[in-house]
C-alpha atoms as a PDB file:
ATOM      1  CA  UNK A   1     -35.027  -1.266   9.216  1.00  0.00           C
ATOM      2  CA  UNK A   2     -37.121  -4.007  11.034  1.00  0.00           C
ATOM      3  CA  UNK A   3     -38.534  -2.688  14.209  1.00  0.00           C
ATOM      4  CA  UNK A   4     -35.671  -3.280  17.133  1.00  0.00           C
ATOM      5  CA  UNK A   5     -33.481  -4.711  14.434  1.00  0.00           C
ATOM      6  CA  UNK A   6     -30.088  -3.515  16.215  1.00  0.00           C
ATOM      7  CA  UNK A   7     -27.877  -5.793  13.642  1.00  0.00           C
ATOM      8  CA  UNK A   8     -29.413  -3.835  10.593  1.00  0.00           C
ATOM      9  CA  UNK A   9     -28.952  -0.216  12.717  1.00  0.00           C
ATOM     10  CA  UNK A  10     -25.459  -1.211  13.032  1.00  0.00           C
ATOM     11  CA  UNK A  11     -24.955  -2.558   9.748  1.00  0.00           C
ATOM     12  CA  UNK A  12     -25.854   0.798   8.202  1.00  0.00           C
ATOM     13  CA  UNK A  13     -23.850   2.649  10.773  1.00  0.00           C
ATOM     14  CA  UNK A  14     -20.750   0.740   9.603  1.00  0.00           C
ATOM     15  CA  UNK A  15     -21.259   1.550   5.967  1.00  0.00           C
ATOM     16  CA  UNK A  16     -21.693   5.216   7.048  1.00  0.00           C
ATOM     17  CA  UNK A  17     -18.379   5.203   8.904  1.00  0.00           C
ATOM     18  CA  UNK A  18     -16.662   3.854   5.866  1.00  0.00           C
ATOM     19  CA  UNK A  19     -17.789   6.264   3.615  1.00  0.00           C
ATOM     20  CA  UNK A  20     -15.674   8.814   5.571  1.00  0.00           C
ATOM     21  CA  UNK A  21     -17.152  11.638   8.097  1.00  0.00           C
ATOM     22  CA  UNK A  22     -20.676  12.338   7.081  1.00  0.00           C
ATOM     23  CA  UNK A  23     -21.628  14.599  10.003  1.00  0.00           C
ATOM     24  CA  UNK A  24     -22.560  17.827   8.600  1.00  0.00           C
ATOM     25  CA  UNK A  25     -25.547  19.660  10.221  1.00  0.00           C
ATOM     26  CA  UNK A  26     -25.493  21.954   7.453  1.00  0.00           C
ATOM     27  CA  UNK A  27     -26.135  19.271   4.765  1.00  0.00           C
ATOM     28  CA  UNK A  28     -28.828  17.476   6.835  1.00  0.00           C
ATOM     29  CA  UNK A  29     -30.936  20.537   7.049  1.00  0.00           C
ATOM     30  CA  UNK A  30     -30.377  20.978   3.182  1.00  0.00           C
ATOM     31  CA  UNK A  31     -32.366  17.931   2.429  1.00  0.00           C
ATOM     32  CA  UNK A  32     -29.587  15.141   3.355  1.00  0.00           C
ATOM     33  CA  UNK A  33     -31.441  14.209   6.399  1.00  0.00           C
ATOM     34  CA  UNK A  34     -30.385  11.615   8.794  1.00  0.00           C
ATOM     35  CA  UNK A  35     -27.440  10.281   6.875  1.00  0.00           C
ATOM     36  CA  UNK A  36     -25.439  13.130   7.915  1.00  0.00           C
ATOM     37  CA  UNK A  37     -26.116  13.092  11.763  1.00  0.00           C
ATOM     38  CA  UNK A  38     -23.569  11.681  14.043  1.00  0.00           C
ATOM     39  CA  UNK A  39     -23.910   7.891  14.916  1.00  0.00           C
ATOM     40  CA  UNK A  40     -24.654   8.455  18.566  1.00  0.00           C
ATOM     41  CA  UNK A  41     -27.718  10.738  17.629  1.00  0.00           C
ATOM     42  CA  UNK A  42     -29.050   7.977  15.257  1.00  0.00           C
ATOM     43  CA  UNK A  43     -28.670   5.143  18.097  1.00  0.00           C
ATOM     44  CA  UNK A  44     -30.569   7.055  20.598  1.00  0.00           C
ATOM     45  CA  UNK A  45     -33.315   7.704  18.120  1.00  0.00           C
ATOM     46  CA  UNK A  46     -33.530   3.870  17.424  1.00  0.00           C
ATOM     47  CA  UNK A  47     -33.267   3.185  21.415  1.00  0.00           C
ATOM     48  CA  UNK A  48     -36.125   5.534  21.873  1.00  0.00           C
ATOM     49  CA  UNK A  49     -38.381   4.842  18.877  1.00  0.00           C
ATOM     50  CA  UNK A  50     -38.364   1.228  19.911  1.00  0.00           C
ATOM     51  CA  UNK A  51     -38.495   1.943  23.350  1.00  0.00           C
ATOM     52  CA  UNK A  52     -34.912   0.085  24.214  1.00  0.00           C
ATOM     53  CA  UNK A  53     -35.155   2.186  27.436  1.00  0.00           C
ATOM     54  CA  UNK A  54     -32.091   0.802  29.224  1.00  0.00           C
ATOM     55  CA  UNK A  55     -30.056   1.144  26.222  1.00  0.00           C
ATOM     56  CA  UNK A  56     -31.389   4.487  25.732  1.00  0.00           C
ATOM     57  CA  UNK A  57     -30.649   5.754  29.363  1.00  0.00           C
ATOM     58  CA  UNK A  58     -26.928   4.173  29.329  1.00  0.00           C
ATOM     59  CA  UNK A  59     -25.926   5.928  25.797  1.00  0.00           C
ATOM     60  CA  UNK A  60     -27.673   8.950  26.668  1.00  0.00           C
ATOM     61  CA  UNK A  61     -25.417   9.261  29.949  1.00  0.00           C
ATOM     62  CA  UNK A  62     -22.453   8.859  28.143  1.00  0.00           C
ATOM     63  CA  UNK A  63     -23.424  10.862  25.110  1.00  0.00           C
ATOM     64  CA  UNK A  64     -23.964  13.789  27.110  1.00  0.00           C
ATOM     65  CA  UNK A  65     -20.430  13.486  29.132  1.00  0.00           C
ATOM     66  CA  UNK A  66     -18.792  13.292  25.675  1.00  0.00           C
ATOM     67  CA  UNK A  67     -20.939  16.400  24.317  1.00  0.00           C
ATOM     68  CA  UNK A  68     -19.993  18.698  27.156  1.00  0.00           C
ATOM     69  CA  UNK A  69     -16.133  17.845  26.949  1.00  0.00           C
ATOM     70  CA  UNK A  70     -16.302  18.145  23.031  1.00  0.00           C
ATOM     71  CA  UNK A  71     -18.508  21.129  22.815  1.00  0.00           C
ATOM     72  CA  UNK A  72     -17.514  23.130  26.066  1.00  0.00           C
ATOM     73  CA  UNK A  73     -19.727  25.739  26.572  1.00  0.00           C
ATOM     74  CA  UNK A  74     -16.521  27.691  28.061  1.00  0.00           C
ATOM     75  CA  UNK A  75     -14.814  27.259  24.463  1.00  0.00           C
ATOM     76  CA  UNK A  76     -18.008  28.454  22.569  1.00  0.00           C
ATOM     77  CA  UNK A  77     -18.239  31.705  24.331  1.00  0.00           C
ATOM     78  CA  UNK A  78     -14.770  32.363  23.862  1.00  0.00           C
ATOM     79  CA  UNK A  79     -15.077  31.866  20.224  1.00  0.00           C
ATOM     80  CA  UNK A  80     -17.886  34.213  20.252  1.00  0.00           C
ATOM     81  CA  UNK A  81     -16.249  36.800  21.989  1.00  0.00           C
ATOM     82  CA  UNK A  82     -13.322  36.788  19.338  1.00  0.00           C
ATOM     83  CA  UNK A  83     -15.696  36.775  16.682  1.00  0.00           C
ATOM     84  CA  UNK A  84     -17.331  39.639  18.114  1.00  0.00           C
ATOM     85  CA  UNK A  85     -14.257  41.685  18.306  1.00  0.00           C
ATOM     86  CA  UNK A  86     -13.031  41.138  15.023  1.00  0.00           C
ATOM     87  CA  UNK A  87     -16.623  42.591  13.582  1.00  0.00           C
ATOM     88  CA  UNK A  88     -16.432  45.258  15.835  1.00  0.00           C
ATOM     89  CA  UNK A  89     -13.047  46.415  14.564  1.00  0.00           C
ATOM     90  CA  UNK A  90     -14.175  46.130  11.044  1.00  0.00           C
ATOM     91  CA  UNK A  91     -17.490  48.040  11.834  1.00  0.00           C
ATOM     92  CA  UNK A  92     -15.396  50.823  13.868  1.00  0.00           C
ATOM     93  CA  UNK A  93     -12.837  51.095  10.992  1.00  0.00           C
ATOM     94  CA  UNK A  94     -15.460  51.734   8.410  1.00  0.00           C
ATOM     95  CA  UNK A  95     -17.234  53.878  10.500  1.00  0.00           C
ATOM     96  CA  UNK A  96     -14.360  56.203  10.857  1.00  0.00           C
ATOM     97  CA  UNK A  97     -14.185  56.209   7.002  1.00  0.00           C
ATOM     98  CA  UNK A  98     -17.701  57.126   6.977  1.00  0.00           C
ATOM     99  CA  UNK A  99     -18.129  53.903   4.506  1.00  0.00           C
ATOM    100  CA  UNK A 100     -21.945  53.266   5.124  1.00  0.00           C
ATOM    101  CA  UNK A 101     -21.703  50.598   2.178  1.00  0.00           C
ATOM    102  CA  UNK A 102     -18.872  48.751   4.063  1.00  0.00           C
ATOM    103  CA  UNK A 103     -20.904  49.091   7.506  1.00  0.00           C
ATOM    104  CA  UNK A 104     -23.988  47.133   5.558  1.00  0.00           C
ATOM    105  CA  UNK A 105     -21.755  44.645   4.053  1.00  0.00           C
ATOM    106  CA  UNK A 106     -19.897  43.791   7.249  1.00  0.00           C
ATOM    107  CA  UNK A 107     -23.292  43.274   8.790  1.00  0.00           C
ATOM    108  CA  UNK A 108     -24.478  41.051   6.232  1.00  0.00           C
ATOM    109  CA  UNK A 109     -21.300  38.759   6.610  1.00  0.00           C
ATOM    110  CA  UNK A 110     -21.811  38.669  10.624  1.00  0.00           C
ATOM    111  CA  UNK A 111     -25.281  37.125   9.907  1.00  0.00           C
ATOM    112  CA  UNK A 112     -23.950  35.081   7.352  1.00  0.00           C
ATOM    113  CA  UNK A 113     -21.270  33.841   9.559  1.00  0.00           C
ATOM    114  CA  UNK A 114     -23.582  33.648  12.611  1.00  0.00           C
ATOM    115  CA  UNK A 115     -25.973  31.159  10.418  1.00  0.00           C
ATOM    116  CA  UNK A 116     -23.455  28.940   9.346  1.00  0.00           C
ATOM    117  CA  UNK A 117     -21.118  28.982  12.516  1.00  0.00           C
ATOM    118  CA  UNK A 118     -24.488  28.027  14.787  1.00  0.00           C
ATOM    119  CA  UNK A 119     -25.931  25.469  12.842  1.00  0.00           C
ATOM    120  CA  UNK A 120     -24.121  22.905  14.607  1.00  0.00           C
ATOM    121  CA  UNK A 121     -24.763  24.278  18.101  1.00  0.00           C
ATOM    122  CA  UNK A 122     -28.345  24.990  16.825  1.00  0.00           C
ATOM    123  CA  UNK A 123     -29.058  21.210  15.855  1.00  0.00           C
ATOM    124  CA  UNK A 124     -27.268  19.741  18.987  1.00  0.00           C
ATOM    125  CA  UNK A 125     -29.457  22.023  21.270  1.00  0.00           C
ATOM    126  CA  UNK A 126     -32.493  20.766  19.805  1.00  0.00           C
ATOM    127  CA  UNK A 127     -31.555  17.159  19.791  1.00  0.00           C
ATOM    128  CA  UNK A 128     -30.273  17.447  23.494  1.00  0.00           C
ATOM    129  CA  UNK A 129     -33.560  19.063  24.347  1.00  0.00           C
ATOM    130  CA  UNK A 130     -35.493  16.285  22.933  1.00  0.00           C
ATOM    131  CA  UNK A 131     -33.472  13.378  24.269  1.00  0.00           C
ATOM    132  CA  UNK A 132     -33.732  15.020  27.647  1.00  0.00           C
ATOM    133  CA  UNK A 133     -37.685  14.650  27.442  1.00  0.00           C
ATOM    134  CA  UNK A 134     -37.333  11.335  26.728  1.00  0.00           C
ATOM    135  CA  UNK A 135     -35.067  10.138  29.288  1.00  0.00           C
ATOM    136  CA  UNK A 136     -37.219  12.285  31.713  1.00  0.00           C
ATOM    137  CA  UNK A 137     -40.281  10.089  30.860  1.00  0.00           C
ATOM    138  CA  UNK A 138     -38.321   6.874  31.387  1.00  0.00           C
ATOM    139  CA  UNK A 139     -36.109   7.231  34.345  1.00  0.00           C
ATOM    140  CA  UNK A 140     -37.412   7.635  37.887  1.00  0.00           C
ATOM    141  CA  UNK A 141     -38.755  11.161  38.571  1.00  0.00           C
ATOM    142  CA  UNK A 142     -38.464  10.771  42.065  1.00  0.00           C
ATOM    143  CA  UNK A 143     -34.893  10.562  41.921  1.00  0.00           C
ATOM    144  CA  UNK A 144     -33.394  13.807  43.069  1.00  0.00           C
ATOM    145  CA  UNK A 145     -29.971  13.330  41.292  1.00  0.00           C
ATOM    146  CA  UNK A 146     -31.850  12.261  37.964  1.00  0.00           C
ATOM    147  CA  UNK A 147     -33.973  15.368  38.436  1.00  0.00           C
ATOM    148  CA  UNK A 148     -31.006  17.506  38.764  1.00  0.00           C
ATOM    149  CA  UNK A 149     -29.170  15.909  35.550  1.00  0.00           C
ATOM    150  CA  UNK A 150     -32.169  16.789  33.437  1.00  0.00           C
ATOM    151  CA  UNK A 151     -32.071  20.200  34.457  1.00  0.00           C
ATOM    152  CA  UNK A 152     -28.171  20.628  34.020  1.00  0.00           C
ATOM    153  CA  UNK A 153     -29.058  18.980  30.376  1.00  0.00           C
ATOM    154  CA  UNK A 154     -31.434  21.546  29.646  1.00  0.00           C
ATOM    155  CA  UNK A 155     -29.452  24.284  30.740  1.00  0.00           C
ATOM    156  CA  UNK A 156     -26.313  23.217  28.594  1.00  0.00           C
ATOM    157  CA  UNK A 157     -28.889  23.108  25.637  1.00  0.00           C
ATOM    158  CA  UNK A 158     -29.905  26.474  26.109  1.00  0.00           C
ATOM    159  CA  UNK A 159     -25.951  27.878  26.484  1.00  0.00           C
ATOM    160  CA  UNK A 160     -25.762  25.886  23.041  1.00  0.00           C
ATOM    161  CA  UNK A 161     -28.120  28.080  21.365  1.00  0.00           C
ATOM    162  CA  UNK A 162     -29.076  31.439  23.363  1.00  0.00           C
ATOM    163  CA  UNK A 163     -32.150  32.254  21.232  1.00  0.00           C
ATOM    164  CA  UNK A 164     -35.851  32.822  21.998  1.00  0.00           C
ATOM    165  CA  UNK A 165     -36.945  29.852  20.126  1.00  0.00           C
ATOM    166  CA  UNK A 166     -34.404  27.596  21.974  1.00  0.00           C
ATOM    167  CA  UNK A 167     -35.153  29.196  25.550  1.00  0.00           C
ATOM    168  CA  UNK A 168     -38.908  28.654  24.908  1.00  0.00           C
ATOM    169  CA  UNK A 169     -38.453  24.773  24.566  1.00  0.00           C
ATOM    170  CA  UNK A 170     -36.149  24.630  27.702  1.00  0.00           C
ATOM    171  CA  UNK A 171     -38.448  26.724  29.825  1.00  0.00           C
ATOM    172  CA  UNK A 172     -41.431  24.454  28.964  1.00  0.00           C
ATOM    173  CA  UNK A 173     -39.728  21.468  29.848  1.00  0.00           C
ATOM    174  CA  UNK A 174     -38.363  23.174  33.278  1.00  0.00           C
ATOM    175  CA  UNK A 175     -41.760  24.406  34.158  1.00  0.00           C
ATOM    176  CA  UNK A 176     -43.214  20.920  32.977  1.00  0.00           C
ATOM    177  CA  UNK A 177     -41.205  19.253  35.992  1.00  0.00           C
ATOM    178  CA  UNK A 178     -42.023  21.938  38.451  1.00  0.00           C
ATOM    179  CA  UNK A 179     -39.009  24.387  38.140  1.00  0.00           C
ATOM    180  CA  UNK A 180     -40.641  27.597  37.564  1.00  0.00           C
ATOM    181  CA  UNK A 181     -37.802  29.447  38.544  1.00  0.00           C
ATOM    182  CA  UNK A 182     -35.054  27.755  36.880  1.00  0.00           C
ATOM    183  CA  UNK A 183     -37.000  28.381  33.533  1.00  0.00           C
ATOM    184  CA  UNK A 184     -37.312  32.259  34.545  1.00  0.00           C
ATOM    185  CA  UNK A 185     -33.583  32.265  35.140  1.00  0.00           C
ATOM    186  CA  UNK A 186     -33.159  31.234  31.458  1.00  0.00           C
ATOM    187  CA  UNK A 187     -36.065  33.215  29.854  1.00  0.00           C
ATOM    188  CA  UNK A 188     -34.480  36.436  31.468  1.00  0.00           C
ATOM    189  CA  UNK A 189     -31.091  35.663  30.483  1.00  0.00           C
ATOM    190  CA  UNK A 190     -31.685  35.166  26.678  1.00  0.00           C
ATOM    191  CA  UNK A 191     -33.313  39.007  27.172  1.00  0.00           C
ATOM    192  CA  UNK A 192     -29.872  39.989  28.563  1.00  0.00           C
ATOM    193  CA  UNK A 193     -28.253  38.129  26.002  1.00  0.00           C
ATOM    194  CA  UNK A 194     -30.434  40.120  23.035  1.00  0.00           C
ATOM    195  CA  UNK A 195     -29.755  43.486  24.825  1.00  0.00           C
ATOM    196  CA  UNK A 196     -25.806  42.840  24.985  1.00  0.00           C
ATOM    197  CA  UNK A 197     -25.812  42.159  21.337  1.00  0.00           C
ATOM    198  CA  UNK A 198     -26.788  45.213  19.445  1.00  0.00           C
ATOM    199  CA  UNK A 199     -26.599  43.739  16.225  1.00  0.00           C
ATOM    200  CA  UNK A 200     -28.762  40.690  16.927  1.00  0.00           C
ATOM    201  CA  UNK A 201     -31.631  39.784  14.100  1.00  0.00           C
ATOM    202  CA  UNK A 202     -33.764  38.437  16.581  1.00  0.00           C
ATOM    203  CA  UNK A 203     -37.443  39.484  15.681  1.00  0.00           C
ATOM    204  CA  UNK A 204     -39.172  41.709  18.267  1.00  0.00           C
ATOM    205  CA  UNK A 205     -42.007  39.820  18.445  1.00  0.00           C
ATOM    206  CA  UNK A 206     -40.063  36.856  19.976  1.00  0.00           C
ATOM    207  CA  UNK A 207     -38.560  38.956  22.419  1.00  0.00           C
ATOM    208  CA  UNK A 208     -41.935  40.735  23.432  1.00  0.00           C
ATOM    209  CA  UNK A 209     -43.353  37.063  23.545  1.00  0.00           C
ATOM    210  CA  UNK A 210     -40.431  36.094  26.199  1.00  0.00           C
ATOM    211  CA  UNK A 211     -41.040  39.235  28.040  1.00  0.00           C
ATOM    212  CA  UNK A 212     -44.766  38.654  28.205  1.00  0.00           C
ATOM    213  CA  UNK A 213     -44.324  35.086  29.471  1.00  0.00           C
ATOM    214  CA  UNK A 214     -41.809  36.387  32.484  1.00  0.00           C
ATOM    215  CA  UNK A 215     -44.564  38.681  33.471  1.00  0.00           C
ATOM    216  CA  UNK A 216     -47.405  35.801  33.743  1.00  0.00           C
ATOM    217  CA  UNK A 217     -45.003  33.542  35.724  1.00  0.00           C
END
């Protein structure tokens, strides 16, 4: 595609749409690349790379409103709660039968379910962080409303994927715009999330890194 050739961009996206729904995060991660990303993410990338700032800001605002409706955090939490209860019931049943092999198998299934089920939200979270960083660079940083909006977007990105890797990037952004307490709040929250999830497979070194960062703040 030629630089700033929006006609070419829209032509490609029209072909993509004609091929059916190609939006698949796992396929994107496994080598499919950008062809499997949502069209609006591709547009935002294009506007960002070609410094079409006004178009980026307009679409980013609409995109975030749509995402927060379509990928509600409340619904995500409810789904996680239902899933956790289901697996707890299976594990409790296996424990009553003293079936250690079944417990191991269930925990492996939980890990796989978490991996595949979380890909969509992990990718969306990563994109929102990146796009918010760009939005902040090109917006009026003295505007309180714009700053609050970016903070809200970063909090949304964290809620989509409450892991040490994601919270680290969120905290970096928040500290960078002078919101250390907001950053600290998210760092403390991820420790609580891990603490309350006894079957979490988070690397202990990542947890320790988060604790050390909090102590230095």
